[in-house]
C-alpha atoms as a PDB file:
ATOM      1  CA  MET A   1      52.619 -18.927 -14.310  1.00  0.00           C
ATOM      2  CA  GLN A   2      50.856 -21.151 -11.825  1.00  0.00           C
ATOM      3  CA  THR A   3      47.814 -22.985 -13.186  1.00  0.00           C
ATOM      4  CA  ARG A   4      44.803 -23.131 -10.930  1.00  0.00           C
ATOM      5  CA  ASP A   5      42.295 -25.948 -10.707  1.00  0.00           C
ATOM      6  CA  ARG A   6      39.317 -25.204 -12.961  1.00  0.00           C
ATOM      7  CA  ALA A   7      37.013 -26.649 -10.303  1.00  0.00           C
ATOM      8  CA  ALA A   8      37.826 -23.699  -8.071  1.00  0.00           C
ATOM      9  CA  PHE A   9      36.152 -21.441 -10.605  1.00  0.00           C
ATOM     10  CA  THR A  10      33.051 -23.559 -11.179  1.00  0.00           C
ATOM     11  CA  VAL A  11      29.873 -21.572 -10.592  1.00  0.00           C
ATOM     12  CA  PRO A  12      27.164 -23.751  -9.047  1.00  0.00           C
ATOM     13  CA  HIS A  13      23.986 -24.158 -11.073  1.00  0.00           C
ATOM     14  CA  MET A  14      21.369 -21.627  -9.981  1.00  0.00           C
ATOM     15  CA  THR A  15      17.695 -22.450  -9.682  1.00  0.00           C
ATOM     16  CA  ARG A  16      15.519 -20.639 -12.181  1.00  0.00           C
ATOM     17  CA  LEU A  17      13.457 -17.929 -10.482  1.00  0.00           C
ATOM     18  CA  PRO A  18       9.672 -18.079 -10.868  1.00  0.00           C
ATOM     19  CA  LEU A  19       8.021 -15.689 -13.271  1.00  0.00           C
ATOM     20  CA  PRO A  20       6.707 -12.508 -11.683  1.00  0.00           C
ATOM     21  CA  ALA A  21       3.020 -12.326 -10.856  1.00  0.00           C
ATOM     22  CA  SER A  22       2.389 -10.188 -13.933  1.00  0.00           C
ATOM     23  CA  ALA A  23       2.960 -13.317 -16.005  1.00  0.00           C
ATOM     24  CA  ARG A  24       0.245 -15.315 -14.278  1.00  0.00           C
ATOM     25  CA  ALA A  25      -3.467 -15.251 -15.006  1.00  0.00           C
ATOM     26  CA  ARG A  26      -5.432 -13.249 -12.492  1.00  0.00           C
ATOM     27  CA  ARG A  27      -8.869 -14.149 -11.227  1.00  0.00           C
ATOM     28  CA  HIS A  28      -9.695 -10.445 -11.023  1.00  0.00           C
ATOM     29  CA  PRO A  29      -7.813  -8.412 -13.657  1.00  0.00           C
ATOM     30  CA  ALA A  30      -9.771  -5.278 -12.725  1.00  0.00           C
ATOM     31  CA  LEU A  31     -10.167  -3.608  -9.348  1.00  0.00           C
ATOM     32  CA  THR A  32     -13.633  -2.120  -8.946  1.00  0.00           C
ATOM     33  CA  ALA A  33     -14.543   0.692  -6.572  1.00  0.00           C
ATOM     34  CA  ARG A  34     -17.867   2.535  -6.649  1.00  0.00           C
ATOM     35  CA  GLY A  35     -18.331   2.095 -10.373  1.00  0.00           C
ATOM     36  CA  ARG A  36     -14.696   2.746 -11.294  1.00  0.00           C
ATOM     37  CA  ALA A  37     -12.523  -0.008 -12.721  1.00  0.00           C
ATOM     38  CA  PHE A  38      -8.742  -0.323 -12.833  1.00  0.00           C
ATOM     39  CA  ASP A  39      -7.164  -2.694 -15.315  1.00  0.00           C
ATOM     40  CA  LEU A  40      -4.380  -4.125 -13.192  1.00  0.00           C
ATOM     41  CA  GLY A  41      -1.457  -6.238 -14.326  1.00  0.00           C
ATOM     42  CA  ARG A  42      -0.431  -4.222 -17.388  1.00  0.00           C
ATOM     43  CA  ARG A  43       1.414  -1.547 -15.414  1.00  0.00           C
ATOM     44  CA  THR A  44       2.018  -0.374 -11.871  1.00  0.00           C
ATOM     45  CA  TYR A  45      -0.473   2.091 -10.394  1.00  0.00           C
ATOM     46  CA  LEU A  46       0.758   4.973  -8.227  1.00  0.00           C
ATOM     47  CA  MET A  47      -1.123   5.906  -5.050  1.00  0.00           C
ATOM     48  CA  GLY A  48      -0.040   9.363  -3.901  1.00  0.00           C
ATOM     49  CA  ILE A  49       0.004  10.075  -0.166  1.00  0.00           C
ATOM     50  CA  VAL A  50      -1.749  13.140   1.237  1.00  0.00           C
ATOM     51  CA  ASN A  51      -1.243  13.353   5.009  1.00  0.00           C
ATOM     52  CA  LEU A  52      -3.605  15.607   6.936  1.00  0.00           C
ATOM     53  CA  THR A  53      -1.812  14.972  10.223  1.00  0.00           C
ATOM     54  CA  PRO A  54       0.463  17.453  12.008  1.00  0.00           C
ATOM     55  CA  ASP A  55       2.811  14.671  13.135  1.00  0.00           C
ATOM     56  CA  SER A  56       3.425  12.373  10.156  1.00  0.00           C
ATOM     57  CA  PHE A  57       6.887  10.768  10.282  1.00  0.00           C
ATOM     58  CA  PHE A  58       7.820  12.492   6.987  1.00  0.00           C
ATOM     59  CA  GLU A  59       7.493  16.223   7.596  1.00  0.00           C
ATOM     60  CA  ASP A  60       7.238  17.207   3.928  1.00  0.00           C
ATOM     61  CA  SER A  61       4.086  15.096   3.534  1.00  0.00           C
ATOM     62  CA  ARG A  62       2.116  17.026   6.189  1.00  0.00           C
ATOM     63  CA  LYS A  63      -0.714  18.974   4.521  1.00  0.00           C
ATOM     64  CA  PRO A  64      -2.927  20.058   7.422  1.00  0.00           C
ATOM     65  CA  SER A  65      -5.447  22.280   5.598  1.00  0.00           C
ATOM     66  CA  PRO A  66      -7.873  21.423   2.752  1.00  0.00           C
ATOM     67  CA  GLU A  67      -6.335  24.113   0.544  1.00  0.00           C
ATOM     68  CA  VAL A  68      -2.788  22.854   1.010  1.00  0.00           C
ATOM     69  CA  ALA A  69      -3.944  19.247   0.631  1.00  0.00           C
ATOM     70  CA  LEU A  70      -5.700  20.070  -2.647  1.00  0.00           C
ATOM     71  CA  SER A  71      -2.655  21.867  -4.034  1.00  0.00           C
ATOM     72  CA  HIS A  72      -0.448  18.922  -3.064  1.00  0.00           C
ATOM     73  CA  ALA A  73      -2.888  16.424  -4.569  1.00  0.00           C
ATOM     74  CA  GLN A  74      -2.970  18.324  -7.860  1.00  0.00           C
ATOM     75  CA  ARG A  75       0.827  18.226  -7.963  1.00  0.00           C
ATOM     76  CA  LEU A  76       0.818  14.474  -7.316  1.00  0.00           C
ATOM     77  CA  LEU A  77      -1.668  13.971 -10.160  1.00  0.00           C
ATOM     78  CA  ALA A  78       0.473  16.070 -12.498  1.00  0.00           C
ATOM     79  CA  GLU A  79       3.429  13.843 -11.578  1.00  0.00           C
ATOM     80  CA  GLY A  80       1.519  10.681 -12.493  1.00  0.00           C
ATOM     81  CA  ALA A  81      -0.558   9.570  -9.500  1.00  0.00           C
ATOM     82  CA  ASP A  82      -3.488   7.296 -10.360  1.00  0.00           C
ATOM     83  CA  LEU A  83      -5.078   7.380  -6.898  1.00  0.00           C
ATOM     84  CA  LEU A  84      -4.889   9.641  -3.850  1.00  0.00           C
ATOM     85  CA  ASP A  85      -4.739   8.285  -0.291  1.00  0.00           C
ATOM     86  CA  LEU A  86      -5.807  10.668   2.477  1.00  0.00           C
ATOM     87  CA  GLY A  87      -5.045  10.009   6.122  1.00  0.00           C
ATOM     88  CA  ALA A  88      -5.966  12.170   9.108  1.00  0.00           C
ATOM     89  CA  GLU A  89      -4.552  10.057  11.944  1.00  0.00           C
ATOM     90  CA  SER A  90      -0.837   9.423  12.271  1.00  0.00           C
ATOM     91  CA  THR A  91       0.317   5.814  12.396  1.00  0.00           C
ATOM     92  CA  ARG A  92       3.951   6.576  13.164  1.00  0.00           C
ATOM     93  CA  PRO A  93       5.519   4.502  15.976  1.00  0.00           C
ATOM     94  CA  GLY A  94       4.352   5.782  19.336  1.00  0.00           C
ATOM     95  CA  HIS A  95       1.453   7.770  17.893  1.00  0.00           C
ATOM     96  CA  THR A  96      -1.570   8.653  20.011  1.00  0.00           C
ATOM     97  CA  ALA A  97      -4.975   7.691  18.659  1.00  0.00           C
ATOM     98  CA  ILE A  98      -7.349  10.602  18.090  1.00  0.00           C
ATOM     99  CA  PRO A  99     -11.126  10.627  18.636  1.00  0.00           C
ATOM    100  CA  PHE A 100     -13.678  10.284  15.856  1.00  0.00           C
ATOM    101  CA  ASP A 101     -14.636  13.973  15.844  1.00  0.00           C
ATOM    102  CA  GLU A 102     -11.056  15.160  15.469  1.00  0.00           C
ATOM    103  CA  GLU A 103     -10.231  12.710  12.694  1.00  0.00           C
ATOM    104  CA  LEU A 104     -13.382  13.629  10.801  1.00  0.00           C
ATOM    105  CA  ALA A 105     -12.751  17.365  11.205  1.00  0.00           C
ATOM    106  CA  ARG A 106      -9.330  16.930   9.603  1.00  0.00           C
ATOM    107  CA  LEU A 107     -10.418  14.505   6.903  1.00  0.00           C
ATOM    108  CA  LEU A 108     -13.834  15.519   5.616  1.00  0.00           C
ATOM    109  CA  PRO A 109     -13.080  19.018   4.242  1.00  0.00           C
ATOM    110  CA  ALA A 110     -10.098  17.655   2.322  1.00  0.00           C
ATOM    111  CA  VAL A 111     -12.078  14.699   0.952  1.00  0.00           C
ATOM    112  CA  LYS A 112     -14.790  17.047  -0.292  1.00  0.00           C
ATOM    113  CA  ALA A 113     -12.244  19.415  -1.854  1.00  0.00           C
ATOM    114  CA  LEU A 114     -10.323  16.655  -3.622  1.00  0.00           C
ATOM    115  CA  CYS A 115     -13.398  14.792  -4.837  1.00  0.00           C
ATOM    116  CA  ALA A 116     -14.790  18.025  -6.292  1.00  0.00           C
ATOM    117  CA  ALA A 117     -11.599  19.126  -8.032  1.00  0.00           C
ATOM    118  CA  CYS A 118      -9.590  15.982  -8.837  1.00  0.00           C
ATOM    119  CA  PRO A 119     -10.482  13.272 -11.361  1.00  0.00           C
ATOM    120  CA  ALA A 120      -8.539  10.552  -9.542  1.00  0.00           C
ATOM    121  CA  PRO A 121     -10.268   8.203  -7.080  1.00  0.00           C
ATOM    122  CA  VAL A 122      -9.787   9.136  -3.433  1.00  0.00           C
ATOM    123  CA  SER A 123      -8.878   6.535  -0.812  1.00  0.00           C
ATOM    124  CA  VAL A 124      -9.284   7.197   2.908  1.00  0.00           C
ATOM    125  CA  ASP A 125      -6.796   5.725   5.357  1.00  0.00           C
ATOM    126  CA  THR A 126      -8.806   5.029   8.512  1.00  0.00           C
ATOM    127  CA  THR A 127      -9.622   2.262  10.969  1.00  0.00           C
ATOM    128  CA  LYS A 128     -12.972   3.733  12.055  1.00  0.00           C
ATOM    129  CA  ALA A 129     -16.113   2.633  10.225  1.00  0.00           C
ATOM    130  CA  SER A 130     -17.922   5.863  11.081  1.00  0.00           C
ATOM    131  CA  VAL A 131     -15.116   7.942   9.575  1.00  0.00           C
ATOM    132  CA  ALA A 132     -15.042   5.722   6.493  1.00  0.00           C
ATOM    133  CA  ALA A 133     -18.804   6.102   6.037  1.00  0.00           C
ATOM    134  CA  ALA A 134     -18.635   9.898   6.230  1.00  0.00           C
ATOM    135  CA  ALA A 135     -15.735  10.010   3.768  1.00  0.00           C
ATOM    136  CA  LEU A 136     -17.500   7.690   1.323  1.00  0.00           C
ATOM    137  CA  GLU A 137     -20.637   9.807   1.621  1.00  0.00           C
ATOM    138  CA  ALA A 138     -18.464  12.802   0.681  1.00  0.00           C
ATOM    139  CA  GLY A 139     -17.225  11.066  -2.471  1.00  0.00           C
ATOM    140  CA  ALA A 140     -14.295   8.816  -1.553  1.00  0.00           C
ATOM    141  CA  CYS A 141     -14.044   5.507  -3.449  1.00  0.00           C
ATOM    142  CA  ILE A 142     -11.740   3.283  -1.411  1.00  0.00           C
ATOM    143  CA  VAL A 143     -11.227   2.461   2.265  1.00  0.00           C
ATOM    144  CA  ASN A 144      -7.646   1.719   3.287  1.00  0.00           C
ATOM    145  CA  ASP A 145      -8.131  -0.224   6.537  1.00  0.00           C
ATOM    146  CA  GLN A 146      -4.964  -0.768   8.552  1.00  0.00           C
ATOM    147  CA  TRP A 147      -6.613  -3.611  10.453  1.00  0.00           C
ATOM    148  CA  GLY A 148      -8.108  -5.378   7.449  1.00  0.00           C
ATOM    149  CA  LEU A 149     -11.719  -5.465   8.747  1.00  0.00           C
ATOM    150  CA  GLN A 150     -10.470  -7.007  12.004  1.00  0.00           C
ATOM    151  CA  GLY A 151     -10.550  -3.779  14.005  1.00  0.00           C
ATOM    152  CA  ASP A 152     -13.929  -2.067  13.764  1.00  0.00           C
ATOM    153  CA  PRO A 153     -16.694  -4.703  13.397  1.00  0.00           C
ATOM    154  CA  ASP A 154     -18.812  -2.285  11.337  1.00  0.00           C
ATOM    155  CA  MET A 155     -16.171  -1.617   8.676  1.00  0.00           C
ATOM    156  CA  ALA A 156     -17.138  -4.497   6.371  1.00  0.00           C
ATOM    157  CA  ARG A 157     -20.773  -3.406   6.323  1.00  0.00           C
ATOM    158  CA  VAL A 158     -19.802   0.183   5.454  1.00  0.00           C
ATOM    159  CA  VAL A 159     -17.582  -0.936   2.578  1.00  0.00           C
ATOM    160  CA  ARG A 160     -20.326  -3.206   1.252  1.00  0.00           C
ATOM    161  CA  ASP A 161     -23.109  -0.639   1.559  1.00  0.00           C
ATOM    162  CA  PHE A 162     -21.181   1.945  -0.453  1.00  0.00           C
ATOM    163  CA  GLY A 163     -19.788  -0.526  -2.985  1.00  0.00           C
ATOM    164  CA  ALA A 164     -16.351   0.816  -2.108  1.00  0.00           C
ATOM    165  CA  GLY A 165     -12.944  -0.582  -2.864  1.00  0.00           C
ATOM    166  CA  LEU A 166     -11.051  -2.027   0.091  1.00  0.00           C
ATOM    167  CA  VAL A 167      -7.376  -2.239   0.973  1.00  0.00           C
ATOM    168  CA  ILE A 168      -6.888  -5.011   3.523  1.00  0.00           C
ATOM    169  CA  MET A 169      -3.638  -4.333   5.345  1.00  0.00           C
ATOM    170  CA  HIS A 170      -1.868  -6.823   7.588  1.00  0.00           C
ATOM    171  CA  ASN A 171      -1.248  -5.613  11.101  1.00  0.00           C
ATOM    172  CA  GLN A 172      -0.693  -6.953  14.586  1.00  0.00           C
ATOM    173  CA  THR A 173       0.278  -5.719  18.034  1.00  0.00           C
ATOM    174  CA  GLY A 174       3.945  -6.475  18.649  1.00  0.00           C
ATOM    175  CA  THR A 175       6.472  -8.188  16.409  1.00  0.00           C
ATOM    176  CA  ASP A 176       6.441 -11.780  17.703  1.00  0.00           C
ATOM    177  CA  TYR A 177       5.298 -14.438  15.228  1.00  0.00           C
ATOM    178  CA  ALA A 178       4.757 -18.037  16.301  1.00  0.00           C
ATOM    179  CA  GLY A 179       5.727 -19.469  12.923  1.00  0.00           C
ATOM    180  CA  ASP A 180       6.679 -18.387   9.436  1.00  0.00           C
ATOM    181  CA  LEU A 181       6.124 -14.671   8.828  1.00  0.00           C
ATOM    182  CA  ILE A 182       4.555 -14.946   5.372  1.00  0.00           C
ATOM    183  CA  ASN A 183       2.283 -17.769   6.513  1.00  0.00           C
ATOM    184  CA  ALA A 184       1.127 -15.555   9.387  1.00  0.00           C
ATOM    185  CA  ILE A 185       0.353 -12.718   6.968  1.00  0.00           C
ATOM    186  CA  ARG A 186      -1.455 -15.137   4.660  1.00  0.00           C
ATOM    187  CA  THR A 187      -3.541 -16.452   7.578  1.00  0.00           C
ATOM    188  CA  PHE A 188      -4.463 -12.885   8.554  1.00  0.00           C
ATOM    189  CA  PHE A 189      -5.530 -12.146   4.976  1.00  0.00           C
ATOM    190  CA  LEU A 190      -7.663 -15.290   4.807  1.00  0.00           C
ATOM    191  CA  ARG A 191      -9.422 -14.265   8.003  1.00  0.00           C
ATOM    192  CA  SER A 192     -10.083 -10.792   6.572  1.00  0.00           C
ATOM    193  CA  LEU A 193     -11.273 -12.227   3.267  1.00  0.00           C
ATOM    194  CA  ASP A 194     -13.709 -14.438   5.140  1.00  0.00           C
ATOM    195  CA  LEU A 195     -15.107 -11.365   6.910  1.00  0.00           C
ATOM    196  CA  ALA A 196     -15.393  -9.590   3.568  1.00  0.00           C
ATOM    197  CA  ALA A 197     -17.174 -12.532   1.952  1.00  0.00           C
ATOM    198  CA  ARG A 198     -19.609 -12.846   4.851  1.00  0.00           C
ATOM    199  CA  ALA A 199     -20.441  -9.150   4.495  1.00  0.00           C
ATOM    200  CA  GLY A 200     -20.972  -9.462   0.743  1.00  0.00           C
ATOM    201  CA  ILE A 201     -17.898  -7.547  -0.430  1.00  0.00           C
ATOM    202  CA  PRO A 202     -16.817  -8.906  -3.840  1.00  0.00           C
ATOM    203  CA  GLU A 203     -13.215 -10.012  -4.244  1.00  0.00           C
ATOM    204  CA  SER A 204     -12.968  -7.712  -7.265  1.00  0.00           C
ATOM    205  CA  ALA A 205     -13.095  -4.787  -4.817  1.00  0.00           C
ATOM    206  CA  ILE A 206     -10.176  -5.972  -2.669  1.00  0.00           C
ATOM    207  CA  VAL A 207      -6.448  -5.209  -2.614  1.00  0.00           C
ATOM    208  CA  LEU A 208      -4.009  -6.808  -0.147  1.00  0.00           C
ATOM    209  CA  ASP A 209      -1.249  -4.851   1.612  1.00  0.00           C
ATOM    210  CA  PRO A 210       1.325  -6.807   3.675  1.00  0.00           C
ATOM    211  CA  GLY A 211       1.716  -3.837   6.025  1.00  0.00           C
ATOM    212  CA  ILE A 212       5.338  -2.732   5.843  1.00  0.00           C
ATOM    213  CA  GLY A 213       6.178  -1.006   9.127  1.00  0.00           C
ATOM    214  CA  PHE A 214       3.191  -2.371  11.033  1.00  0.00           C
ATOM    215  CA  GLY A 215       3.829  -5.071  13.641  1.00  0.00           C
ATOM    216  CA  LYS A 216       7.210  -5.880  12.114  1.00  0.00           C
ATOM    217  CA  THR A 217      10.873  -5.316  12.898  1.00  0.00           C
ATOM    218  CA  PRO A 218      13.186  -3.829  10.242  1.00  0.00           C
ATOM    219  CA  GLY A 219      14.412  -7.335   9.479  1.00  0.00           C
ATOM    220  CA  GLN A 220      10.874  -8.644   9.154  1.00  0.00           C
ATOM    221  CA  ASN A 221       9.991  -5.783   6.803  1.00  0.00           C
ATOM    222  CA  LEU A 222      12.907  -6.775   4.603  1.00  0.00           C
ATOM    223  CA  GLU A 223      11.757 -10.379   4.653  1.00  0.00           C
ATOM    224  CA  VAL A 224       8.265  -9.348   3.548  1.00  0.00           C
ATOM    225  CA  VAL A 225       9.633  -7.364   0.602  1.00  0.00           C
ATOM    226  CA  ARG A 226      11.967 -10.239  -0.271  1.00  0.00           C
ATOM    227  CA  ARG A 227       9.102 -12.765  -0.235  1.00  0.00           C
ATOM    228  CA  LEU A 228       6.247 -10.675  -1.646  1.00  0.00           C
ATOM    229  CA  ALA A 229       5.764 -13.015  -4.594  1.00  0.00           C
ATOM    230  CA  GLU A 230       4.657 -15.767  -2.198  1.00  0.00           C
ATOM    231  CA  LEU A 231       1.439 -13.823  -1.572  1.00  0.00           C
ATOM    232  CA  ASN A 232       0.436 -13.996  -5.226  1.00  0.00           C
ATOM    233  CA  ASP A 233      -1.209 -17.371  -4.674  1.00  0.00           C
ATOM    234  CA  LEU A 234      -4.100 -15.540  -2.989  1.00  0.00           C
ATOM    235  CA  GLY A 235      -5.039 -14.326  -6.462  1.00  0.00           C
ATOM    236  CA  LEU A 236      -5.705 -10.703  -5.483  1.00  0.00           C
ATOM    237  CA  PRO A 237      -3.909  -7.443  -6.303  1.00  0.00           C
ATOM    238  CA  LEU A 238      -1.058  -6.440  -4.010  1.00  0.00           C
ATOM    239  CA  LEU A 239      -0.210  -2.978  -2.703  1.00  0.00           C
ATOM    240  CA  LEU A 240       3.204  -2.052  -1.325  1.00  0.00           C
ATOM    241  CA  GLY A 241       3.602   0.873   1.075  1.00  0.00           C
ATOM    242  CA  ALA A 242       7.308   1.158   1.806  1.00  0.00           C
ATOM    243  CA  SER A 243       7.809   4.844   1.026  1.00  0.00           C
ATOM    244  CA  ARG A 244      10.538   6.429   3.179  1.00  0.00           C
ATOM    245  CA  LYS A 245       9.805   4.030   6.056  1.00  0.00           C
ATOM    246  CA  SER A 246      12.099   3.325   8.978  1.00  0.00           C
ATOM    247  CA  PHE A 247      13.427  -0.027   7.751  1.00  0.00           C
ATOM    248  CA  LEU A 248      14.978   1.886   4.843  1.00  0.00           C
ATOM    249  CA  GLY A 249      16.460   4.351   7.313  1.00  0.00           C
ATOM    250  CA  LYS A 250      17.894   1.440   9.278  1.00  0.00           C
ATOM    251  CA  ILE A 251      19.697   0.178   6.185  1.00  0.00           C
ATOM    252  CA  LEU A 252      20.859   3.574   4.963  1.00  0.00           C
ATOM    253  CA  ASP A 253      21.335   5.237   8.363  1.00  0.00           C
ATOM    254  CA  LEU A 254      19.421   8.228   7.012  1.00  0.00           C
ATOM    255  CA  PRO A 255      16.373  10.260   8.133  1.00  0.00           C
ATOM    256  CA  PRO A 256      13.041  10.143   6.246  1.00  0.00           C
ATOM    257  CA  GLU A 257      13.998  13.180   4.155  1.00  0.00           C
ATOM    258  CA  GLU A 258      16.906  11.246   2.603  1.00  0.00           C
ATOM    259  CA  ARG A 259      15.277   7.885   1.867  1.00  0.00           C
ATOM    260  CA  LEU A 260      14.046   8.464  -1.690  1.00  0.00           C
ATOM    261  CA  GLU A 261      16.602   6.164  -3.303  1.00  0.00           C
ATOM    262  CA  GLY A 262      15.799   3.435  -0.806  1.00  0.00           C
ATOM    263  CA  THR A 263      12.125   3.846  -1.635  1.00  0.00           C
ATOM    264  CA  LEU A 264      12.834   3.465  -5.348  1.00  0.00           C
ATOM    265  CA  ALA A 265      14.737   0.245  -4.660  1.00  0.00           C
ATOM    266  CA  ALA A 266      11.775  -1.115  -2.684  1.00  0.00           C
ATOM    267  CA  THR A 267       9.354  -0.050  -5.421  1.00  0.00           C
ATOM    268  CA  THR A 268      11.392  -1.895  -8.036  1.00  0.00           C
ATOM    269  CA  ALA A 269      11.635  -5.010  -5.864  1.00  0.00           C
ATOM    270  CA  GLY A 270       7.876  -4.925  -5.379  1.00  0.00           C
ATOM    271  CA  ILE A 271       7.169  -4.642  -9.083  1.00  0.00           C
ATOM    272  CA  ALA A 272       9.510  -7.556  -9.758  1.00  0.00           C
ATOM    273  CA  ALA A 273       7.429  -9.587  -7.288  1.00  0.00           C
ATOM    274  CA  GLY A 274       4.139  -8.680  -8.968  1.00  0.00           C
ATOM    275  CA  VAL A 275       2.889  -5.740  -6.895  1.00  0.00           C
ATOM    276  CA  ASP A 276       0.109  -3.809  -8.646  1.00  0.00           C
ATOM    277  CA  ILE A 277      -0.009  -0.563  -6.641  1.00  0.00           C
ATOM    278  CA  VAL A 278       2.699   1.351  -4.792  1.00  0.00           C
ATOM    279  CA  ARG A 279       1.716   3.897  -2.145  1.00  0.00           C
ATOM    280  CA  VAL A 280       4.317   6.672  -2.212  1.00  0.00           C
ATOM    281  CA  HIS A 281       5.137  10.218  -1.159  1.00  0.00           C
ATOM    282  CA  ASP A 282       7.267  11.016  -4.222  1.00  0.00           C
ATOM    283  CA  VAL A 283       5.124  10.242  -7.239  1.00  0.00           C
ATOM    284  CA  LEU A 284       7.320  11.582 -10.041  1.00  0.00           C
ATOM    285  CA  ALA A 285      10.448   9.632  -9.093  1.00  0.00           C
ATOM    286  CA  ASN A 286       8.488   6.461  -8.379  1.00  0.00           C
ATOM    287  CA  ALA A 287       6.522   6.804 -11.621  1.00  0.00           C
ATOM    288  CA  ARG A 288       9.771   6.907 -13.576  1.00  0.00           C
ATOM    289  CA  ALA A 289      11.204   3.950 -11.673  1.00  0.00           C
ATOM    290  CA  ALA A 290       7.956   2.027 -12.160  1.00  0.00           C
ATOM    291  CA  LYS A 291       7.908   2.730 -15.896  1.00  0.00           C
ATOM    292  CA  VAL A 292      11.340   1.176 -16.307  1.00  0.00           C
ATOM    293  CA  ALA A 293      10.567  -1.712 -13.939  1.00  0.00           C
ATOM    294  CA  ASP A 294       7.316  -2.395 -15.804  1.00  0.00           C
ATOM    295  CA  ALA A 295       9.220  -2.525 -19.092  1.00  0.00           C
ATOM    296  CA  ILE A 296      11.621  -5.065 -17.585  1.00  0.00           C
ATOM    297  CA  TYR A 297       9.253  -7.264 -15.599  1.00  0.00           C
ATOM    298  CA  ARG A 298       5.894  -6.891 -17.337  1.00  0.00           C
ATOM    299  CA  GLY A 299       7.223  -6.573 -20.875  1.00  0.00           C
END
């Protein structure tokens, strides 16, 4: 039998990967929002999505009435959701912005219903400070701002005045980046954090979301997920919102209804990188995936 050179089978030495963010000391181990505190770092928190829009990209997530939204929210809580995120304006590609009155008419009855009946904190997904203020007045705890305080100039003041939690999401118009993608996201976050600090919003109230699906190509979305751990040096909790999004469909060649497994893969990758909160449509499946991933990566 022919003998082969052992050198042909030599495996090159691999660089040791850095520890996940869960292994590092946090400056703010607890997220605070209107008197509530979340002890982050020990496990992954699940943010369940409640869409009040008639045109969300994932049809099964559309809950256009307060009654249907409440029933859906109660199911998400039973499946393990820690927070509920309500949105009344679609952000799908090619969406048309809706006026303040229409967004508020969709959002406010559901916020009131959920805050009255559900123990979990309610987050509102909006870019309008006036909508955020009305929702916070109705009992919401967190503002999920898709422009990270860089859209509506009054948003920072509203968040501060209510002592609300704040999700700062990265966003931009178009997908062209002058330099490194993660550096661009980091620069955006630093600008938003400066606005928050100037307004008097404490860092303990802030979560950072790199904005999967917003101002990014499918390839750029993959790069963000791949390099999430590089954002840990900002010292703030990270949120990942990759649930059933189009970059997963691009990989799998499947519609939103068939992207659950892709979502679970993204959730696991995020947890490995140190993500603290995952925003998802399918809470039960993601809760199970997160429990196993937490056992592996957080110990």
